Every structure is written in C-alpha cells, then in structure tokens.
Amino acid sequence: SSCERALALDPVGLIPGMLMAISLEALGRSEEAMVQLDRTLALYPDVAMAHFLRAGLLLRLGRAVEAEENLEYLGRLEGFSNPASLRDLARSYPGATASSGAIDAVRGLERETGSGLYYVAAFYDWAGSEAEALRVVEDGLAARNPWQGFAAVFSEYDGLRQNQRFQEILRSLGYPNGNYAYRSSLSG
C-alpha cells in the first residue's frame, strides 16, 4: 500500500506513522494500529492528534482506563485548565447515554481552545451529544475549517456516520463517509 511505501521510505516519520495507523484501523487491524501509534508516539510524544487517535482506538478496544489517561494527557498538551475532566469522556463512550459531566468537559475545552480543533466534534459525540457534535461540524463547514476533512476518514467520527446531516455535509464537501463505509464494503 501507499502507506507501507511511505513508512519504508521514512520509518521514523510522523505523518507516515500516523497514516499507517489510520489505515490499519480502517482495515480492522486495531492491535496493529495500536502498535504503530505507540511507535509513533515514542518518537513524537507531544503530538496531540496522535493522542486523540490513540484515545479513540483504546475506547474502541474497550480499554477505557488507558483512554482516560490518554485524554487527560491530550488536555494537558492543549493547555486545558482542567485536563482531568476529559476522563469523563472515556467513561461515557460510546455516547449511548449522554453524560452531563463529559458534555461539560467538552464545552469547557471548546471555550478554551475553540470549536475549530479536529477532535471537538468527536468528543461531543463520545459524550453523548450528537446535536453539539453536528453543530461543531457545521461551524467547521461554514468557516471552511481545513480540519473538516478528518471527519470524513477518522474512525473517531464513526458515531456520526449514520446521521443524515453528517452524510449531507460530507457529500457537499465531496468526501466519502470515511472508514466506516470502507469497512462496510469489506464485510459486505
């Protein structure tokens, strides 16, 4: 694959390492994706996006305690005044039941960092507020946020993939409905 070739050419590169992890996750090879993310984070320990991806992967693997620690570390990297409150996100994931503590934590993060960061919408979804998640995605669309494309492919946005408005936004941008659609095509 292209990611394998890029990683072979630059085995210690940040972007090839993260793209490989994203690709492995898209193929359902979650444990291998975790190994790749851990390898990348060993080289680049303060990359917020890698911690976001790792937290989402840990949650999907059912490793909530580790995800809590990862989310708190991400909050410290972003300069969030109460990074420990992000632990509530891991406790509420996958967002089937809204958690007021988790939603409050994301609102606090959004107030401090703005809604333009690529993970704010996913965090709202994890906390159980699809409406807030869609608001952030729509704000990003209106602002022509360059991070918007991540919503199309990151597994962290899979909780929104069935939402009709989310699908319309992706279509309006010319994006596919992410890795969810790709995984579905593999199993179908």
N, C-alpha and C. Protein backbone atom coordinates (compact mmCIF):
# COMPACT_ATOMS: atom_id res chain seq x y z
N SER A 1 0.84 -1.18 0.00
CA SER A 1 0.00 0.00 0.00
C SER A 1 0.88 1.25 0.00
N SER A 2 0.27 2.38 -0.29
CA SER A 2 0.99 3.65 -0.29
C SER A 2 1.56 3.97 1.09
N CYS A 3 0.80 3.66 2.13
CA CYS A 3 1.26 3.95 3.50
C CYS A 3 2.48 3.09 3.84
N GLU A 4 2.46 1.85 3.41
CA GLU A 4 3.62 0.98 3.67
C GLU A 4 4.86 1.51 2.95
N ARG A 5 4.69 1.96 1.71
CA ARG A 5 5.82 2.51 0.97
C ARG A 5 6.34 3.79 1.63
N ALA A 6 5.42 4.65 2.06
CA ALA A 6 5.84 5.90 2.72
C ALA A 6 6.59 5.60 4.01
N LEU A 7 6.12 4.62 4.77
CA LEU A 7 6.78 4.26 6.02
C LEU A 7 8.13 3.61 5.75
N ALA A 8 8.24 2.84 4.66
CA ALA A 8 9.53 2.24 4.31
C ALA A 8 10.54 3.32 3.93
N LEU A 9 10.07 4.37 3.26
CA LEU A 9 10.96 5.46 2.87
C LEU A 9 11.33 6.36 4.05
N ASP A 10 10.42 6.47 5.02
CA ASP A 10 10.65 7.34 6.17
C ASP A 10 10.15 6.63 7.43
N PRO A 11 10.89 5.63 7.91
CA PRO A 11 10.42 4.79 9.02
C PRO A 11 10.24 5.53 10.34
N VAL A 12 10.82 6.70 10.49
CA VAL A 12 10.65 7.45 11.73
C VAL A 12 9.82 8.72 11.50
N GLY A 13 9.16 8.81 10.36
CA GLY A 13 8.37 9.98 10.05
C GLY A 13 7.04 10.01 10.79
N LEU A 14 6.66 11.17 11.25
CA LEU A 14 5.39 11.35 11.96
C LEU A 14 4.20 11.06 11.06
N ILE A 15 4.13 11.70 9.92
CA ILE A 15 2.97 11.55 9.03
C ILE A 15 2.84 10.13 8.51
N PRO A 16 3.92 9.50 7.98
CA PRO A 16 3.76 8.12 7.55
C PRO A 16 3.32 7.18 8.68
N GLY A 17 3.85 7.40 9.88
CA GLY A 17 3.47 6.56 11.01
C GLY A 17 2.00 6.69 11.37
N MET A 18 1.50 7.92 11.38
CA MET A 18 0.09 8.12 11.72
C MET A 18 -0.83 7.62 10.60
N LEU A 19 -0.44 7.87 9.35
CA LEU A 19 -1.26 7.37 8.24
C LEU A 19 -1.32 5.85 8.22
N MET A 20 -0.21 5.22 8.57
CA MET A 20 -0.22 3.76 8.63
C MET A 20 -1.18 3.28 9.72
N ALA A 21 -1.16 3.93 10.88
CA ALA A 21 -2.06 3.54 11.97
C ALA A 21 -3.52 3.73 11.55
N ILE A 22 -3.82 4.83 10.89
CA ILE A 22 -5.19 5.10 10.43
C ILE A 22 -5.62 4.03 9.42
N SER A 23 -4.72 3.68 8.52
CA SER A 23 -5.02 2.65 7.50
C SER A 23 -5.25 1.29 8.14
N LEU A 24 -4.40 0.93 9.09
CA LEU A 24 -4.56 -0.36 9.77
C LEU A 24 -5.90 -0.42 10.50
N GLU A 25 -6.26 0.67 11.16
CA GLU A 25 -7.56 0.72 11.85
C GLU A 25 -8.70 0.57 10.86
N ALA A 26 -8.58 1.23 9.70
CA ALA A 26 -9.63 1.14 8.67
C ALA A 26 -9.81 -0.28 8.18
N LEU A 27 -8.74 -1.04 8.20
CA LEU A 27 -8.81 -2.45 7.77
C LEU A 27 -9.24 -3.38 8.88
N GLY A 28 -9.53 -2.83 10.06
CA GLY A 28 -9.95 -3.65 11.18
C GLY A 28 -8.79 -4.30 11.92
N ARG A 29 -7.59 -3.83 11.67
CA ARG A 29 -6.40 -4.40 12.31
C ARG A 29 -5.99 -3.50 13.48
N SER A 30 -6.89 -3.45 14.47
CA SER A 30 -6.78 -2.49 15.56
C SER A 30 -5.54 -2.66 16.41
N GLU A 31 -5.18 -3.89 16.72
CA GLU A 31 -3.99 -4.11 17.56
C GLU A 31 -2.72 -3.66 16.84
N GLU A 32 -2.66 -3.93 15.55
CA GLU A 32 -1.51 -3.46 14.77
C GLU A 32 -1.48 -1.94 14.69
N ALA A 33 -2.67 -1.34 14.58
CA ALA A 33 -2.75 0.12 14.56
C ALA A 33 -2.25 0.69 15.88
N MET A 34 -2.58 0.03 16.99
CA MET A 34 -2.12 0.49 18.29
C MET A 34 -0.60 0.42 18.39
N VAL A 35 -0.02 -0.66 17.91
CA VAL A 35 1.44 -0.80 17.93
C VAL A 35 2.08 0.33 17.12
N GLN A 36 1.50 0.63 15.95
CA GLN A 36 2.05 1.69 15.11
C GLN A 36 1.91 3.05 15.79
N LEU A 37 0.77 3.32 16.41
CA LEU A 37 0.59 4.59 17.11
C LEU A 37 1.56 4.72 18.27
N ASP A 38 1.74 3.63 19.01
CA ASP A 38 2.68 3.66 20.14
C ASP A 38 4.11 3.91 19.65
N ARG A 39 4.46 3.31 18.52
CA ARG A 39 5.79 3.52 17.94
C ARG A 39 5.96 5.00 17.54
N THR A 40 4.93 5.54 16.94
CA THR A 40 4.97 6.95 16.53
C THR A 40 5.04 7.87 17.75
N LEU A 41 4.26 7.58 18.78
CA LEU A 41 4.28 8.41 19.98
C LEU A 41 5.59 8.30 20.75
N ALA A 42 6.27 7.17 20.62
CA ALA A 42 7.59 7.05 21.26
C ALA A 42 8.57 8.05 20.63
N LEU A 43 8.40 8.31 19.35
CA LEU A 43 9.26 9.25 18.64
C LEU A 43 8.76 10.69 18.77
N TYR A 44 7.45 10.86 18.86
CA TYR A 44 6.82 12.19 18.89
C TYR A 44 5.79 12.23 20.02
N PRO A 45 6.24 12.30 21.27
CA PRO A 45 5.33 12.15 22.41
C PRO A 45 4.35 13.30 22.62
N ASP A 46 4.56 14.42 22.00
CA ASP A 46 3.70 15.58 22.25
C ASP A 46 2.86 15.99 21.05
N VAL A 47 2.48 15.03 20.23
CA VAL A 47 1.62 15.30 19.08
C VAL A 47 0.17 15.03 19.49
N ALA A 48 -0.60 16.11 19.62
CA ALA A 48 -1.96 15.99 20.12
C ALA A 48 -2.81 15.06 19.25
N MET A 49 -2.68 15.15 17.92
CA MET A 49 -3.50 14.31 17.06
C MET A 49 -3.24 12.83 17.31
N ALA A 50 -2.01 12.46 17.56
CA ALA A 50 -1.69 11.06 17.81
C ALA A 50 -2.35 10.59 19.11
N HIS A 51 -2.39 11.46 20.12
CA HIS A 51 -3.06 11.10 21.37
C HIS A 51 -4.56 11.00 21.19
N PHE A 52 -5.13 11.86 20.36
CA PHE A 52 -6.56 11.78 20.04
C PHE A 52 -6.86 10.45 19.36
N LEU A 53 -6.07 10.09 18.36
CA LEU A 53 -6.28 8.82 17.65
C LEU A 53 -6.11 7.64 18.58
N ARG A 54 -5.12 7.72 19.45
CA ARG A 54 -4.85 6.62 20.39
C ARG A 54 -6.01 6.47 21.38
N ALA A 55 -6.54 7.59 21.89
CA ALA A 55 -7.66 7.52 22.82
C ALA A 55 -8.87 6.87 22.16
N GLY A 56 -9.17 7.26 20.93
CA GLY A 56 -10.30 6.66 20.22
C GLY A 56 -10.10 5.18 19.99
N LEU A 57 -8.91 4.79 19.61
CA LEU A 57 -8.62 3.38 19.38
C LEU A 57 -8.73 2.59 20.68
N LEU A 58 -8.21 3.15 21.77
CA LEU A 58 -8.32 2.47 23.07
C LEU A 58 -9.78 2.29 23.46
N LEU A 59 -10.60 3.30 23.24
CA LEU A 59 -12.02 3.19 23.57
C LEU A 59 -12.70 2.11 22.74
N ARG A 60 -12.39 2.06 21.45
CA ARG A 60 -12.99 1.03 20.60
C ARG A 60 -12.52 -0.37 20.98
N LEU A 61 -11.33 -0.45 21.56
CA LEU A 61 -10.81 -1.74 22.02
C LEU A 61 -11.31 -2.09 23.42
N GLY A 62 -12.09 -1.20 24.04
CA GLY A 62 -12.64 -1.45 25.37
C GLY A 62 -11.64 -1.20 26.50
N ARG A 63 -10.63 -0.40 26.24
CA ARG A 63 -9.58 -0.13 27.23
C ARG A 63 -9.75 1.30 27.76
N ALA A 64 -10.88 1.50 28.47
CA ALA A 64 -11.29 2.83 28.89
C ALA A 64 -10.32 3.47 29.87
N VAL A 65 -9.73 2.71 30.77
CA VAL A 65 -8.83 3.30 31.76
C VAL A 65 -7.62 3.91 31.08
N GLU A 66 -7.06 3.20 30.11
CA GLU A 66 -5.93 3.75 29.36
C GLU A 66 -6.36 4.97 28.55
N ALA A 67 -7.58 4.91 27.99
CA ALA A 67 -8.08 6.04 27.22
C ALA A 67 -8.24 7.27 28.11
N GLU A 68 -8.69 7.07 29.35
CA GLU A 68 -8.83 8.18 30.29
C GLU A 68 -7.49 8.90 30.46
N GLU A 69 -6.44 8.11 30.66
CA GLU A 69 -5.10 8.69 30.84
C GLU A 69 -4.66 9.44 29.59
N ASN A 70 -4.94 8.85 28.44
CA ASN A 70 -4.57 9.47 27.16
C ASN A 70 -5.31 10.79 26.95
N LEU A 71 -6.60 10.81 27.27
CA LEU A 71 -7.39 12.02 27.11
C LEU A 71 -6.91 13.12 28.07
N GLU A 72 -6.56 12.73 29.29
CA GLU A 72 -6.06 13.72 30.23
C GLU A 72 -4.73 14.30 29.73
N TYR A 73 -3.88 13.45 29.19
CA TYR A 73 -2.61 13.93 28.65
C TYR A 73 -2.85 14.87 27.47
N LEU A 74 -3.80 14.52 26.61
CA LEU A 74 -4.16 15.39 25.49
C LEU A 74 -4.62 16.75 26.00
N GLY A 75 -5.43 16.76 27.06
CA GLY A 75 -5.89 18.01 27.64
C GLY A 75 -4.74 18.86 28.16
N ARG A 76 -3.72 18.21 28.72
CA ARG A 76 -2.54 18.96 29.18
C ARG A 76 -1.77 19.52 27.99
N LEU A 77 -1.64 18.73 26.93
CA LEU A 77 -0.94 19.21 25.74
C LEU A 77 -1.61 20.45 25.16
N GLU A 78 -2.93 20.46 25.19
CA GLU A 78 -3.69 21.57 24.61
C GLU A 78 -3.81 22.74 25.57
N GLY A 79 -3.27 22.58 26.80
CA GLY A 79 -3.32 23.67 27.75
C GLY A 79 -4.68 23.85 28.41
N PHE A 80 -5.49 22.80 28.42
CA PHE A 80 -6.81 22.84 29.04
C PHE A 80 -6.65 23.02 30.54
N SER A 81 -7.40 23.94 31.15
CA SER A 81 -7.21 24.25 32.57
C SER A 81 -7.60 23.09 33.49
N ASN A 82 -8.47 22.19 33.02
CA ASN A 82 -8.85 21.04 33.84
C ASN A 82 -8.77 19.77 33.00
N PRO A 83 -7.56 19.34 32.66
CA PRO A 83 -7.44 18.17 31.77
C PRO A 83 -8.03 16.90 32.35
N ALA A 84 -8.07 16.77 33.68
CA ALA A 84 -8.61 15.54 34.28
C ALA A 84 -10.10 15.37 33.96
N SER A 85 -10.81 16.48 33.68
CA SER A 85 -12.24 16.36 33.39
C SER A 85 -12.48 15.61 32.08
N LEU A 86 -11.47 15.53 31.21
CA LEU A 86 -11.64 14.78 29.96
C LEU A 86 -11.76 13.29 30.21
N ARG A 87 -11.38 12.83 31.40
CA ARG A 87 -11.56 11.42 31.74
C ARG A 87 -13.03 11.01 31.64
N ASP A 88 -13.94 11.96 31.89
CA ASP A 88 -15.37 11.66 31.79
C ASP A 88 -15.76 11.20 30.40
N LEU A 89 -15.02 11.63 29.39
CA LEU A 89 -15.32 11.20 28.01
C LEU A 89 -15.18 9.70 27.88
N ALA A 90 -14.11 9.17 28.44
CA ALA A 90 -13.88 7.72 28.34
C ALA A 90 -14.96 6.96 29.10
N ARG A 91 -15.45 7.54 30.16
CA ARG A 91 -16.48 6.86 30.95
C ARG A 91 -17.84 6.89 30.27
N SER A 92 -18.07 7.87 29.40
CA SER A 92 -19.37 7.96 28.73
C SER A 92 -19.38 7.30 27.35
N TYR A 93 -18.20 7.06 26.79
CA TYR A 93 -18.11 6.46 25.46
C TYR A 93 -18.86 5.13 25.44
N PRO A 94 -19.60 4.77 24.40
CA PRO A 94 -19.67 5.40 23.09
C PRO A 94 -20.73 6.48 22.93
N GLY A 95 -21.21 7.01 24.01
CA GLY A 95 -22.14 8.12 23.89
C GLY A 95 -23.59 7.69 23.78
N ALA A 96 -23.87 6.42 24.08
CA ALA A 96 -25.25 5.96 24.01
C ALA A 96 -26.11 6.69 25.05
N THR A 97 -25.54 7.01 26.17
CA THR A 97 -26.21 7.77 27.22
C THR A 97 -25.43 9.04 27.44
N ALA A 98 -26.11 10.17 27.31
CA ALA A 98 -25.41 11.44 27.48
C ALA A 98 -24.88 11.56 28.91
N SER A 99 -23.68 12.06 29.02
CA SER A 99 -23.05 12.28 30.32
C SER A 99 -22.88 13.78 30.50
N SER A 100 -23.60 14.36 31.46
CA SER A 100 -23.51 15.81 31.65
C SER A 100 -22.10 16.22 32.02
N GLY A 101 -21.38 15.40 32.80
CA GLY A 101 -20.00 15.73 33.16
C GLY A 101 -19.10 15.75 31.95
N ALA A 102 -19.28 14.78 31.06
CA ALA A 102 -18.45 14.72 29.85
C ALA A 102 -18.80 15.87 28.91
N ILE A 103 -20.09 16.17 28.77
CA ILE A 103 -20.50 17.27 27.89
C ILE A 103 -19.96 18.59 28.44
N ASP A 104 -20.03 18.77 29.75
CA ASP A 104 -19.48 19.98 30.36
C ASP A 104 -17.98 20.08 30.11
N ALA A 105 -17.28 18.95 30.18
CA ALA A 105 -15.83 18.95 29.94
C ALA A 105 -15.52 19.39 28.52
N VAL A 106 -16.30 18.90 27.55
CA VAL A 106 -16.06 19.28 26.16
C VAL A 106 -16.42 20.75 25.94
N ARG A 107 -17.49 21.20 26.58
CA ARG A 107 -17.83 22.63 26.47
C ARG A 107 -16.70 23.49 27.02
N GLY A 108 -16.12 23.06 28.14
CA GLY A 108 -15.00 23.81 28.70
C GLY A 108 -13.81 23.83 27.77
N LEU A 109 -13.52 22.67 27.17
CA LEU A 109 -12.42 22.59 26.21
C LEU A 109 -12.70 23.48 25.00
N GLU A 110 -13.93 23.45 24.53
CA GLU A 110 -14.29 24.28 23.37
C GLU A 110 -14.15 25.76 23.70
N ARG A 111 -14.55 26.16 24.91
CA ARG A 111 -14.41 27.57 25.30
C ARG A 111 -12.94 27.98 25.32
N GLU A 112 -12.07 27.08 25.76
CA GLU A 112 -10.66 27.41 25.89
C GLU A 112 -9.89 27.32 24.59
N THR A 113 -10.26 26.39 23.73
CA THR A 113 -9.47 26.16 22.51
C THR A 113 -10.22 26.54 21.23
N GLY A 114 -11.53 26.71 21.32
CA GLY A 114 -12.33 26.98 20.15
C GLY A 114 -12.88 25.68 19.57
N SER A 115 -13.86 25.83 18.70
CA SER A 115 -14.51 24.65 18.12
C SER A 115 -13.79 24.14 16.88
N GLY A 116 -12.78 24.88 16.44
CA GLY A 116 -12.13 24.53 15.19
C GLY A 116 -11.19 23.36 15.25
N LEU A 117 -10.87 22.86 16.44
CA LEU A 117 -9.96 21.72 16.54
C LEU A 117 -10.65 20.45 16.07
N TYR A 118 -9.91 19.58 15.42
CA TYR A 118 -10.47 18.41 14.76
C TYR A 118 -11.15 17.43 15.70
N TYR A 119 -10.87 17.47 16.98
CA TYR A 119 -11.45 16.47 17.87
C TYR A 119 -12.66 16.94 18.65
N VAL A 120 -13.00 18.22 18.63
CA VAL A 120 -14.10 18.72 19.46
C VAL A 120 -15.42 18.04 19.09
N ALA A 121 -15.73 17.93 17.80
CA ALA A 121 -16.98 17.28 17.38
C ALA A 121 -17.02 15.83 17.83
N ALA A 122 -15.92 15.11 17.65
CA ALA A 122 -15.88 13.71 18.07
C ALA A 122 -16.08 13.61 19.58
N PHE A 123 -15.46 14.51 20.34
CA PHE A 123 -15.61 14.49 21.79
C PHE A 123 -17.07 14.69 22.20
N TYR A 124 -17.77 15.61 21.54
CA TYR A 124 -19.19 15.79 21.85
C TYR A 124 -19.97 14.51 21.58
N ASP A 125 -19.66 13.85 20.48
CA ASP A 125 -20.35 12.60 20.16
C ASP A 125 -20.04 11.54 21.22
N TRP A 126 -18.77 11.43 21.62
CA TRP A 126 -18.41 10.46 22.66
C TRP A 126 -19.13 10.75 23.97
N ALA A 127 -19.36 12.03 24.25
CA ALA A 127 -20.02 12.43 25.50
C ALA A 127 -21.52 12.19 25.45
N GLY A 128 -22.05 11.93 24.26
CA GLY A 128 -23.46 11.63 24.12
C GLY A 128 -24.29 12.77 23.58
N SER A 129 -23.67 13.78 22.99
CA SER A 129 -24.41 14.90 22.43
C SER A 129 -24.17 15.01 20.93
N GLU A 130 -24.95 14.25 20.19
CA GLU A 130 -24.84 14.29 18.73
C GLU A 130 -25.18 15.68 18.21
N ALA A 131 -26.13 16.36 18.85
CA ALA A 131 -26.52 17.71 18.40
C ALA A 131 -25.34 18.67 18.50
N GLU A 132 -24.61 18.63 19.60
CA GLU A 132 -23.43 19.51 19.75
C GLU A 132 -22.35 19.11 18.75
N ALA A 133 -22.18 17.82 18.54
CA ALA A 133 -21.18 17.36 17.58
C ALA A 133 -21.48 17.90 16.18
N LEU A 134 -22.75 17.81 15.78
CA LEU A 134 -23.14 18.31 14.45
C LEU A 134 -23.01 19.82 14.37
N ARG A 135 -23.31 20.53 15.46
CA ARG A 135 -23.13 21.98 15.47
C ARG A 135 -21.67 22.34 15.17
N VAL A 136 -20.74 21.61 15.79
CA VAL A 136 -19.31 21.89 15.58
C VAL A 136 -18.91 21.56 14.14
N VAL A 137 -19.41 20.45 13.62
CA VAL A 137 -19.11 20.09 12.23
C VAL A 137 -19.67 21.16 11.29
N GLU A 138 -20.90 21.62 11.55
CA GLU A 138 -21.49 22.66 10.70
C GLU A 138 -20.73 23.98 10.82
N ASP A 139 -20.29 24.32 12.04
CA ASP A 139 -19.46 25.52 12.22
C ASP A 139 -18.18 25.41 11.39
N GLY A 140 -17.58 24.22 11.41
CA GLY A 140 -16.37 24.00 10.64
C GLY A 140 -16.61 24.14 9.15
N LEU A 141 -17.77 23.67 8.71
CA LEU A 141 -18.14 23.80 7.30
C LEU A 141 -18.28 25.27 6.93
N ALA A 142 -18.99 26.03 7.77
CA ALA A 142 -19.20 27.45 7.49
C ALA A 142 -17.88 28.22 7.51
N ALA A 143 -16.95 27.82 8.37
CA ALA A 143 -15.66 28.52 8.49
C ALA A 143 -14.62 27.98 7.51
N ARG A 144 -15.01 26.99 6.72
CA ARG A 144 -14.07 26.34 5.79
C ARG A 144 -12.82 25.87 6.53
N ASN A 145 -13.08 25.23 7.65
CA ASN A 145 -12.02 24.74 8.51
C ASN A 145 -11.22 23.66 7.78
N PRO A 146 -9.90 23.79 7.69
CA PRO A 146 -9.11 22.78 6.98
C PRO A 146 -9.11 21.42 7.67
N TRP A 147 -9.48 21.38 8.94
CA TRP A 147 -9.53 20.09 9.65
C TRP A 147 -10.77 19.28 9.28
N GLN A 148 -11.72 19.91 8.59
CA GLN A 148 -13.00 19.25 8.30
C GLN A 148 -12.81 17.89 7.61
N GLY A 149 -11.80 17.78 6.80
CA GLY A 149 -11.57 16.52 6.09
C GLY A 149 -11.30 15.34 7.00
N PHE A 150 -10.77 15.59 8.19
CA PHE A 150 -10.52 14.49 9.12
C PHE A 150 -11.81 13.78 9.51
N ALA A 151 -12.90 14.54 9.60
CA ALA A 151 -14.18 13.93 9.97
C ALA A 151 -14.61 12.89 8.94
N ALA A 152 -14.13 13.04 7.73
CA ALA A 152 -14.50 12.10 6.67
C ALA A 152 -13.81 10.75 6.82
N VAL A 153 -12.64 10.73 7.45
CA VAL A 153 -11.88 9.48 7.44
C VAL A 153 -11.54 8.92 8.82
N PHE A 154 -11.47 9.76 9.85
CA PHE A 154 -11.08 9.24 11.16
C PHE A 154 -12.18 8.37 11.76
N SER A 155 -11.81 7.22 12.27
CA SER A 155 -12.76 6.33 12.92
C SER A 155 -13.40 6.97 14.14
N GLU A 156 -12.75 7.99 14.69
CA GLU A 156 -13.26 8.68 15.87
C GLU A 156 -14.61 9.35 15.59
N TYR A 157 -14.95 9.54 14.32
CA TYR A 157 -16.22 10.14 13.95
C TYR A 157 -17.26 9.09 13.55
N ASP A 158 -16.99 7.83 13.77
CA ASP A 158 -17.90 6.78 13.34
C ASP A 158 -19.27 6.89 14.00
N GLY A 159 -19.35 7.47 15.20
CA GLY A 159 -20.64 7.64 15.86
C GLY A 159 -21.58 8.56 15.11
N LEU A 160 -21.05 9.37 14.21
CA LEU A 160 -21.89 10.30 13.44
C LEU A 160 -22.21 9.79 12.04
N ARG A 161 -21.61 8.69 11.64
CA ARG A 161 -21.70 8.25 10.24
C ARG A 161 -23.12 7.96 9.78
N GLN A 162 -24.01 7.53 10.66
CA GLN A 162 -25.39 7.22 10.27
C GLN A 162 -26.28 8.45 10.25
N ASN A 163 -25.79 9.58 10.79
CA ASN A 163 -26.59 10.79 10.85
C ASN A 163 -26.73 11.40 9.46
N GLN A 164 -27.97 11.65 9.06
CA GLN A 164 -28.22 12.14 7.71
C GLN A 164 -27.55 13.49 7.46
N ARG A 165 -27.60 14.40 8.43
CA ARG A 165 -26.99 15.72 8.24
C ARG A 165 -25.48 15.59 8.07
N PHE A 166 -24.85 14.71 8.86
CA PHE A 166 -23.41 14.49 8.73
C PHE A 166 -23.08 13.97 7.33
N GLN A 167 -23.89 13.03 6.84
CA GLN A 167 -23.68 12.49 5.50
C GLN A 167 -23.83 13.58 4.44
N GLU A 168 -24.82 14.47 4.62
CA GLU A 168 -25.01 15.56 3.66
C GLU A 168 -23.80 16.50 3.65
N ILE A 169 -23.27 16.79 4.83
CA ILE A 169 -22.10 17.67 4.91
C ILE A 169 -20.92 17.05 4.18
N LEU A 170 -20.68 15.76 4.42
CA LEU A 170 -19.57 15.10 3.74
C LEU A 170 -19.77 15.09 2.23
N ARG A 171 -21.00 14.82 1.79
CA ARG A 171 -21.29 14.83 0.35
C ARG A 171 -21.06 16.22 -0.24
N SER A 172 -21.47 17.27 0.50
CA SER A 172 -21.31 18.64 -0.01
C SER A 172 -19.84 19.01 -0.18
N LEU A 173 -18.98 18.36 0.59
CA LEU A 173 -17.54 18.61 0.51
C LEU A 173 -16.85 17.67 -0.48
N GLY A 174 -17.63 16.71 -1.00
CA GLY A 174 -17.05 15.74 -1.93
C GLY A 174 -16.27 14.65 -1.23
N TYR A 175 -16.56 14.44 0.07
CA TYR A 175 -15.84 13.42 0.85
C TYR A 175 -16.66 12.14 0.94
N PRO A 176 -15.99 11.01 1.03
CA PRO A 176 -16.70 9.76 1.30
C PRO A 176 -17.13 9.73 2.76
N ASN A 177 -17.95 8.77 3.13
CA ASN A 177 -18.36 8.64 4.52
C ASN A 177 -17.34 7.79 5.28
N GLY A 178 -16.10 8.08 5.06
CA GLY A 178 -15.00 7.61 5.88
C GLY A 178 -14.72 6.13 5.89
N ASN A 179 -13.94 5.77 6.88
CA ASN A 179 -13.52 4.39 7.06
C ASN A 179 -14.70 3.47 7.35
N TYR A 180 -15.77 4.03 7.91
CA TYR A 180 -16.97 3.23 8.19
C TYR A 180 -17.47 2.60 6.90
N ALA A 181 -17.58 3.42 5.84
CA ALA A 181 -18.05 2.92 4.56
C ALA A 181 -17.07 1.91 3.99
N TYR A 182 -15.80 2.16 4.17
CA TYR A 182 -14.78 1.25 3.66
C TYR A 182 -14.84 -0.10 4.36
N ARG A 183 -14.96 -0.07 5.68
CA ARG A 183 -15.05 -1.33 6.43
C ARG A 183 -16.30 -2.08 6.07
N SER A 184 -17.42 -1.34 5.88
CA SER A 184 -18.66 -1.99 5.49
C SER A 184 -18.54 -2.69 4.15
N SER A 185 -17.82 -2.08 3.23
CA SER A 185 -17.66 -2.68 1.91
C SER A 185 -16.82 -3.95 1.99
N LEU A 186 -15.87 -4.01 2.94
CA LEU A 186 -15.05 -5.20 3.11
C LEU A 186 -15.87 -6.36 3.66
N SER A 187 -16.80 -6.06 4.56
CA SER A 187 -17.56 -7.12 5.20
C SER A 187 -18.80 -7.50 4.42
N GLY A 188 -19.18 -6.67 3.44
CA GLY A 188 -20.42 -6.90 2.70
C GLY A 188 -20.14 -7.67 1.51
